[in-house]
Amino acid sequence: SPWLHEEVGQRMAQRLDWLVQRPRTWASWHPALGGLQAQQAVQARYPDAQRQALDEQGQPQRQASGAALQPGQADLLWANMALHLYAQPQALLACWRNWLRPEGLLFFSGLGPDTLLELRRVYQALGWPPPHQPYTDMHDWGDMLVQAGFSAPVLDMERLTLSYPSAERLLQDLREGGRNLHLQRPVGLRGRTHRQ
């Protein structure tokens, strides 16, 4: 798992302290992407809860033991660092809603519009296409959640400032973190001059 996803997942897991009721069932969206250590923190918190891992398409992954959880049965859906990676987030929210019980809880995280602001400025100054798709503001996520059938969404934001010792290290994190969904992204591979 990318280290940033693990860090965000650990911070998100701390917010589970706010829950009054313990989930009896929970689904984990694309666990390897969302952070295996973060998922283990949720699992350790609810060791008796039935868990179902879901792939990036919302299909149940095979499990070593226990009956598979079905759509509409999860008390909690855990989706760390996923929402910003989908070109059609409203369809994804509808899929998540489908996996939850009527009173189920969705815990998710993603990148916001201030993400990689400095990198966007460099790309713009060089006349390059944007380095990533536009990221959605949390207030817009709230509206989309209501449209998808969620009630009373509670959203919060945390700003993380990252410093890199080199451009190589930044590029490594960008490669590990996901994909560029921007419609004007380059269609071919970048050459050596791009790295320079």
Foldseek 3Di string as FASTA:
>chain_A
DQVVLQVQLQVLLVVCVVDPDDWQEEEEEQDVLNDVVSVVSSCVVVVNHHYFYAYNVRHTDDDPDDDHQDFQRTQEYEAEARQQQDPDNLVVLLSVNRRHHLNHYYRYDHDAQCPPVVVQVVCVVVVHDGPAAGGYHVVVVVVSNVVSPDPDDDDDDDDDDDDDPDVVVVVVSVVSNHDHPHPPHDPDDDDPVVVD
